[in-house]
Amino acid sequence: MKKKPETAGDPDMLPEYDPADGRRGKYARRYAKGTNLVALDPEVAKVFPDWQSVNEALRTFTRISRCSTRE
């Protein structure tokens, strides 16, 4: 016997928001394709206040490493 969703009797819940036909992870693969998350170690994360500073540091490192390998 299938359980009825708890929101079935909720007068504020619109019918199109009924989660009964939902599928877990429906968009997970599409989301992961366009996302590149990297976990930083805590001591490294303390140095960077936000994602912009991490990107700038990596760009600078890339420029420096390219210059030193061309010598």
PDB file of N, CA and C in Angstrom:
ATOM      1  N   MET A   1       0.844  -1.174   0.000  1.00  0.00           N
ATOM      2  CA  MET A   1       0.000   0.000   0.000  1.00  0.00           C
ATOM      3  C   MET A   1       0.893   1.243   0.000  1.00  0.00           C
ATOM      4  N   LYS A   2       0.600   2.158  -0.900  1.00  0.00           N
ATOM      5  CA  LYS A   2       1.397   3.356  -1.032  1.00  0.00           C
ATOM      6  C   LYS A   2       0.953   4.412  -0.028  1.00  0.00           C
ATOM      7  N   LYS A   3       1.948   5.045   0.628  1.00  0.00           N
ATOM      8  CA  LYS A   3       1.648   6.100   1.593  1.00  0.00           C
ATOM      9  C   LYS A   3       1.197   7.353   0.872  1.00  0.00           C
ATOM     10  N   LYS A   4       0.217   8.034   1.416  1.00  0.00           N
ATOM     11  CA  LYS A   4      -0.214   9.317   0.877  1.00  0.00           C
ATOM     12  C   LYS A   4       0.755  10.395   1.357  1.00  0.00           C
ATOM     13  N   PRO A   5       1.069  11.353   0.502  1.00  0.00           N
ATOM     14  CA  PRO A   5       1.952  12.431   0.964  1.00  0.00           C
ATOM     15  C   PRO A   5       1.281  13.230   2.067  1.00  0.00           C
ATOM     16  N   GLU A   6       2.089  13.691   3.004  1.00  0.00           N
ATOM     17  CA  GLU A   6       1.570  14.439   4.144  1.00  0.00           C
ATOM     18  C   GLU A   6       0.969  15.771   3.722  1.00  0.00           C
ATOM     19  N   THR A   7       1.356  16.271   2.566  1.00  0.00           N
ATOM     20  CA  THR A   7       0.874  17.578   2.117  1.00  0.00           C
ATOM     21  C   THR A   7      -0.489  17.489   1.438  1.00  0.00           C
ATOM     22  N   ALA A   8      -1.063  16.291   1.310  1.00  0.00           N
ATOM     23  CA  ALA A   8      -2.330  16.124   0.598  1.00  0.00           C
ATOM     24  C   ALA A   8      -3.445  16.971   1.211  1.00  0.00           C
ATOM     25  N   GLY A   9      -3.473  17.130   2.507  1.00  0.00           N
ATOM     26  CA  GLY A   9      -4.520  17.904   3.146  1.00  0.00           C
ATOM     27  C   GLY A   9      -4.157  19.354   3.391  1.00  0.00           C
ATOM     28  N   ASP A  10      -2.984  19.776   2.958  1.00  0.00           N
ATOM     29  CA  ASP A  10      -2.527  21.142   3.201  1.00  0.00           C
ATOM     30  C   ASP A  10      -3.219  22.108   2.245  1.00  0.00           C
ATOM     31  N   PRO A  11      -4.035  23.029   2.751  1.00  0.00           N
ATOM     32  CA  PRO A  11      -4.754  23.943   1.868  1.00  0.00           C
ATOM     33  C   PRO A  11      -3.825  24.943   1.152  1.00  0.00           C
ATOM     34  N   ASP A  12      -2.627  25.161   1.671  1.00  0.00           N
ATOM     35  CA  ASP A  12      -1.689  26.088   1.041  1.00  0.00           C
ATOM     36  C   ASP A  12      -0.854  25.432  -0.062  1.00  0.00           C
ATOM     37  N   MET A  13      -0.897  24.110  -0.135  1.00  0.00           N
ATOM     38  CA  MET A  13      -0.099  23.383  -1.123  1.00  0.00           C
ATOM     39  C   MET A  13      -0.876  23.291  -2.440  1.00  0.00           C
ATOM     40  N   LEU A  14      -0.303  23.860  -3.501  1.00  0.00           N
ATOM     41  CA  LEU A  14      -0.929  23.792  -4.810  1.00  0.00           C
ATOM     42  C   LEU A  14      -0.769  22.388  -5.387  1.00  0.00           C
ATOM     43  N   PRO A  15      -1.734  21.918  -6.181  1.00  0.00           N
ATOM     44  CA  PRO A  15      -1.667  20.547  -6.726  1.00  0.00           C
ATOM     45  C   PRO A  15      -0.418  20.288  -7.560  1.00  0.00           C
ATOM     46  N   GLU A  16       0.080  21.303  -8.281  1.00  0.00           N
ATOM     47  CA  GLU A  16       1.267  21.087  -9.118  1.00  0.00           C
ATOM     48  C   GLU A  16       2.546  20.897  -8.307  1.00  0.00           C
ATOM     49  N   TYR A  17       2.492  21.149  -7.007  1.00  0.00           N
ATOM     50  CA  TYR A  17       3.655  20.947  -6.145  1.00  0.00           C
ATOM     51  C   TYR A  17       3.594  19.629  -5.389  1.00  0.00           C
ATOM     52  N   ASP A  18       2.723  18.749  -5.785  1.00  0.00           N
ATOM     53  CA  ASP A  18       2.566  17.464  -5.108  1.00  0.00           C
ATOM     54  C   ASP A  18       3.836  16.629  -5.306  1.00  0.00           C
ATOM     55  N   PRO A  19       4.541  16.258  -4.229  1.00  0.00           N
ATOM     56  CA  PRO A  19       5.800  15.520  -4.353  1.00  0.00           C
ATOM     57  C   PRO A  19       5.630  14.024  -4.602  1.00  0.00           C
ATOM     58  N   ALA A  20       4.410  13.530  -4.725  1.00  0.00           N
ATOM     59  CA  ALA A  20       4.168  12.094  -4.851  1.00  0.00           C
ATOM     60  C   ALA A  20       4.847  11.492  -6.080  1.00  0.00           C
ATOM     61  N   ASP A  21       4.912  12.239  -7.158  1.00  0.00           N
ATOM     62  CA  ASP A  21       5.520  11.724  -8.390  1.00  0.00           C
ATOM     63  C   ASP A  21       6.970  12.157  -8.553  1.00  0.00           C
ATOM     64  N   GLY A  22       7.562  12.668  -7.498  1.00  0.00           N
ATOM     65  CA  GLY A  22       8.936  13.156  -7.562  1.00  0.00           C
ATOM     66  C   GLY A  22       9.942  12.037  -7.745  1.00  0.00           C
ATOM     67  N   ARG A  23      11.088  12.383  -8.304  1.00  0.00           N
ATOM     68  CA  ARG A  23      12.162  11.416  -8.493  1.00  0.00           C
ATOM     69  C   ARG A  23      13.433  12.009  -7.924  1.00  0.00           C
ATOM     70  N   ARG A  24      14.050  11.314  -6.999  1.00  0.00           N
ATOM     71  CA  ARG A  24      15.262  11.795  -6.349  1.00  0.00           C
ATOM     72  C   ARG A  24      16.422  11.856  -7.339  1.00  0.00           C
ATOM     73  N   GLY A  25      17.123  12.986  -7.339  1.00  0.00           N
ATOM     74  CA  GLY A  25      18.305  13.136  -8.183  1.00  0.00           C
ATOM     75  C   GLY A  25      17.996  13.319  -9.658  1.00  0.00           C
ATOM     76  N   LYS A  26      16.805  13.758  -9.996  1.00  0.00           N
ATOM     77  CA  LYS A  26      16.396  13.892 -11.395  1.00  0.00           C
ATOM     78  C   LYS A  26      17.357  14.770 -12.192  1.00  0.00           C
ATOM     79  N   TYR A  27      17.833  15.846 -11.602  1.00  0.00           N
ATOM     80  CA  TYR A  27      18.710  16.780 -12.305  1.00  0.00           C
ATOM     81  C   TYR A  27      20.159  16.698 -11.833  1.00  0.00           C
ATOM     82  N   ALA A  28      20.510  15.721 -11.035  1.00  0.00           N
ATOM     83  CA  ALA A  28      21.851  15.625 -10.453  1.00  0.00           C
ATOM     84  C   ALA A  28      22.939  15.514 -11.518  1.00  0.00           C
ATOM     85  N   ARG A  29      22.741  14.691 -12.516  1.00  0.00           N
ATOM     86  CA  ARG A  29      23.767  14.491 -13.549  1.00  0.00           C
ATOM     87  C   ARG A  29      23.976  15.782 -14.351  1.00  0.00           C
ATOM     88  N   ARG A  30      22.882  16.456 -14.712  1.00  0.00           N
ATOM     89  CA  ARG A  30      22.985  17.708 -15.466  1.00  0.00           C
ATOM     90  C   ARG A  30      23.685  18.777 -14.631  1.00  0.00           C
ATOM     91  N   TYR A  31      23.372  18.849 -13.354  1.00  0.00           N
ATOM     92  CA  TYR A  31      23.995  19.830 -12.473  1.00  0.00           C
ATOM     93  C   TYR A  31      25.493  19.557 -12.327  1.00  0.00           C
ATOM     94  N   ALA A  32      25.844  18.297 -12.144  1.00  0.00           N
ATOM     95  CA  ALA A  32      27.249  17.931 -11.945  1.00  0.00           C
ATOM     96  C   ALA A  32      28.092  18.226 -13.184  1.00  0.00           C
ATOM     97  N   LYS A  33      27.504  18.153 -14.366  1.00  0.00           N
ATOM     98  CA  LYS A  33      28.236  18.432 -15.598  1.00  0.00           C
ATOM     99  C   LYS A  33      28.775  19.858 -15.630  1.00  0.00           C
ATOM    100  N   GLY A  34      27.977  20.800 -15.158  1.00  0.00           N
ATOM    101  CA  GLY A  34      28.378  22.195 -15.215  1.00  0.00           C
ATOM    102  C   GLY A  34      29.003  22.702 -13.939  1.00  0.00           C
ATOM    103  N   THR A  35      29.332  21.821 -13.038  1.00  0.00           N
ATOM    104  CA  THR A  35      29.862  22.228 -11.746  1.00  0.00           C
ATOM    105  C   THR A  35      31.199  21.549 -11.494  1.00  0.00           C
ATOM    106  N   ASN A  36      32.116  22.317 -10.952  1.00  0.00           N
ATOM    107  CA  ASN A  36      33.418  21.753 -10.608  1.00  0.00           C
ATOM    108  C   ASN A  36      33.745  22.220  -9.194  1.00  0.00           C
ATOM    109  N   LEU A  37      33.324  21.445  -8.226  1.00  0.00           N
ATOM    110  CA  LEU A  37      33.560  21.797  -6.832  1.00  0.00           C
ATOM    111  C   LEU A  37      34.842  21.154  -6.339  1.00  0.00           C
ATOM    112  N   VAL A  38      35.590  21.913  -5.572  1.00  0.00           N
ATOM    113  CA  VAL A  38      36.830  21.418  -4.993  1.00  0.00           C
ATOM    114  C   VAL A  38      36.810  21.740  -3.510  1.00  0.00           C
ATOM    115  N   ALA A  39      37.088  20.753  -2.690  1.00  0.00           N
ATOM    116  CA  ALA A  39      37.130  20.972  -1.243  1.00  0.00           C
ATOM    117  C   ALA A  39      38.544  21.384  -0.836  1.00  0.00           C
ATOM    118  N   LEU A  40      38.628  22.484  -0.116  1.00  0.00           N
ATOM    119  CA  LEU A  40      39.920  22.960   0.379  1.00  0.00           C
ATOM    120  C   LEU A  40      40.143  22.456   1.795  1.00  0.00           C
ATOM    121  N   ASP A  41      41.385  22.188   2.123  1.00  0.00           N
ATOM    122  CA  ASP A  41      41.715  21.844   3.500  1.00  0.00           C
ATOM    123  C   ASP A  41      41.427  23.062   4.375  1.00  0.00           C
ATOM    124  N   PRO A  42      41.040  22.848   5.631  1.00  0.00           N
ATOM    125  CA  PRO A  42      40.673  23.965   6.503  1.00  0.00           C
ATOM    126  C   PRO A  42      41.753  25.042   6.616  1.00  0.00           C
ATOM    127  N   GLU A  43      43.036  24.640   6.706  1.00  0.00           N
ATOM    128  CA  GLU A  43      44.088  25.649   6.846  1.00  0.00           C
ATOM    129  C   GLU A  43      44.256  26.471   5.569  1.00  0.00           C
ATOM    130  N   VAL A  44      43.964  25.884   4.420  1.00  0.00           N
ATOM    131  CA  VAL A  44      44.030  26.623   3.161  1.00  0.00           C
ATOM    132  C   VAL A  44      42.821  27.551   3.053  1.00  0.00           C
ATOM    133  N   ALA A  45      41.649  27.065   3.442  1.00  0.00           N
ATOM    134  CA  ALA A  45      40.423  27.861   3.363  1.00  0.00           C
ATOM    135  C   ALA A  45      40.492  29.116   4.238  1.00  0.00           C
ATOM    136  N   LYS A  46      41.251  29.062   5.319  1.00  0.00           N
ATOM    137  CA  LYS A  46      41.394  30.234   6.198  1.00  0.00           C
ATOM    138  C   LYS A  46      42.079  31.395   5.497  1.00  0.00           C
ATOM    139  N   VAL A  47      42.933  31.104   4.510  1.00  0.00           N
ATOM    140  CA  VAL A  47      43.696  32.128   3.812  1.00  0.00           C
ATOM    141  C   VAL A  47      42.826  32.898   2.816  1.00  0.00           C
ATOM    142  N   PHE A  48      41.802  32.233   2.266  1.00  0.00           N
ATOM    143  CA  PHE A  48      40.977  32.833   1.225  1.00  0.00           C
ATOM    144  C   PHE A  48      39.593  33.177   1.755  1.00  0.00           C
ATOM    145  N   PRO A  49      39.207  34.454   1.676  1.00  0.00           N
ATOM    146  CA  PRO A  49      37.905  34.854   2.206  1.00  0.00           C
ATOM    147  C   PRO A  49      36.723  34.429   1.342  1.00  0.00           C
ATOM    148  N   ASP A  50      36.953  34.221   0.024  1.00  0.00           N
ATOM    149  CA  ASP A  50      35.843  33.870  -0.867  1.00  0.00           C
ATOM    150  C   ASP A  50      36.370  33.173  -2.120  1.00  0.00           C
ATOM    151  N   TRP A  51      35.458  32.750  -2.981  1.00  0.00           N
ATOM    152  CA  TRP A  51      35.844  32.007  -4.179  1.00  0.00           C
ATOM    153  C   TRP A  51      36.605  32.873  -5.183  1.00  0.00           C
ATOM    154  N   GLN A  52      36.315  34.189  -5.196  1.00  0.00           N
ATOM    155  CA  GLN A  52      37.032  35.054  -6.127  1.00  0.00           C
ATOM    156  C   GLN A  52      38.532  35.090  -5.818  1.00  0.00           C
ATOM    157  N   SER A  53      38.866  35.134  -4.533  1.00  0.00           N
ATOM    158  CA  SER A  53      40.281  35.182  -4.158  1.00  0.00           C
ATOM    159  C   SER A  53      40.978  33.856  -4.479  1.00  0.00           C
ATOM    160  N   VAL A  54      40.279  32.760  -4.370  1.00  0.00           N
ATOM    161  CA  VAL A  54      40.861  31.461  -4.736  1.00  0.00           C
ATOM    162  C   VAL A  54      41.147  31.445  -6.234  1.00  0.00           C
ATOM    163  N   ASN A  55      40.174  31.889  -7.036  1.00  0.00           N
ATOM    164  CA  ASN A  55      40.369  31.914  -8.485  1.00  0.00           C
ATOM    165  C   ASN A  55      41.519  32.833  -8.885  1.00  0.00           C
ATOM    166  N   GLU A  56      41.617  33.985  -8.266  1.00  0.00           N
ATOM    167  CA  GLU A  56      42.691  34.922  -8.593  1.00  0.00           C
ATOM    168  C   GLU A  56      44.056  34.327  -8.243  1.00  0.00           C
ATOM    169  N   ALA A  57      44.144  33.658  -7.106  1.00  0.00           N
ATOM    170  CA  ALA A  57      45.404  33.028  -6.715  1.00  0.00           C
ATOM    171  C   ALA A  57      45.791  31.927  -7.699  1.00  0.00           C
ATOM    172  N   LEU A  58      44.821  31.156  -8.141  1.00  0.00           N
ATOM    173  CA  LEU A  58      45.106  30.085  -9.102  1.00  0.00           C
ATOM    174  C   LEU A  58      45.502  30.657 -10.463  1.00  0.00           C
ATOM    175  N   ARG A  59      44.862  31.739 -10.879  1.00  0.00           N
ATOM    176  CA  ARG A  59      45.253  32.382 -12.139  1.00  0.00           C
ATOM    177  C   ARG A  59      46.682  32.921 -12.064  1.00  0.00           C
ATOM    178  N   THR A  60      47.007  33.540 -10.956  1.00  0.00           N
ATOM    179  CA  THR A  60      48.366  34.066 -10.765  1.00  0.00           C
ATOM    180  C   THR A  60      49.377  32.928 -10.790  1.00  0.00           C
ATOM    181  N   PHE A  61      49.088  31.863 -10.074  1.00  0.00           N
ATOM    182  CA  PHE A  61      49.980  30.695 -10.060  1.00  0.00           C
ATOM    183  C   PHE A  61      50.165  30.133 -11.466  1.00  0.00           C
ATOM    184  N   THR A  62      49.067  30.073 -12.231  1.00  0.00           N
ATOM    185  CA  THR A  62      49.145  29.553 -13.594  1.00  0.00           C
ATOM    186  C   THR A  62      50.027  30.424 -14.468  1.00  0.00           C
ATOM    187  N   ARG A  63      49.872  31.744 -14.352  1.00  0.00           N
ATOM    188  CA  ARG A  63      50.718  32.664 -15.136  1.00  0.00           C
ATOM    189  C   ARG A  63      52.195  32.506 -14.765  1.00  0.00           C
ATOM    190  N   ILE A  64      52.475  32.407 -13.486  1.00  0.00           N
ATOM    191  CA  ILE A  64      53.855  32.260 -13.022  1.00  0.00           C
ATOM    192  C   ILE A  64      54.441  30.940 -13.505  1.00  0.00           C
ATOM    193  N   SER A  65      53.674  29.869 -13.402  1.00  0.00           N
ATOM    194  CA  SER A  65      54.195  28.556 -13.794  1.00  0.00           C
ATOM    195  C   SER A  65      54.419  28.481 -15.301  1.00  0.00           C
ATOM    196  N   ARG A  66      53.589  29.146 -16.078  1.00  0.00           N
ATOM    197  CA  ARG A  66      53.804  29.182 -17.522  1.00  0.00           C
ATOM    198  C   ARG A  66      55.079  29.943 -17.885  1.00  0.00           C
ATOM    199  N   CYS A  67      55.330  31.032 -17.202  1.00  0.00           N
ATOM    200  CA  CYS A  67      56.529  31.836 -17.463  1.00  0.00           C
ATOM    201  C   CYS A  67      57.802  31.062 -17.096  1.00  0.00           C
ATOM    202  N   SER A  68      57.779  30.351 -15.988  1.00  0.00           N
ATOM    203  CA  SER A  68      58.980  29.646 -15.545  1.00  0.00           C
ATOM    204  C   SER A  68      59.266  28.408 -16.389  1.00  0.00           C
ATOM    205  N   THR A  69      58.275  27.824 -17.035  1.00  0.00           N
ATOM    206  CA  THR A  69      58.516  26.637 -17.856  1.00  0.00           C
ATOM    207  C   THR A  69      58.981  26.998 -19.259  1.00  0.00           C
ATOM    208  N   ARG A  70      58.837  28.250 -19.668  1.00  0.00           N
ATOM    209  CA  ARG A  70      59.250  28.666 -21.022  1.00  0.00           C
ATOM    210  C   ARG A  70      60.704  29.065 -21.095  1.00  0.00           C
ATOM    211  N   GLU A  71      61.374  29.145 -19.997  1.00  0.00           N
ATOM    212  CA  GLU A  71      62.780  29.587 -19.984  1.00  0.00           C
ATOM    213  C   GLU A  71      63.699  28.576 -20.585  1.00  0.00           C
TER     214      GLU A  71
END
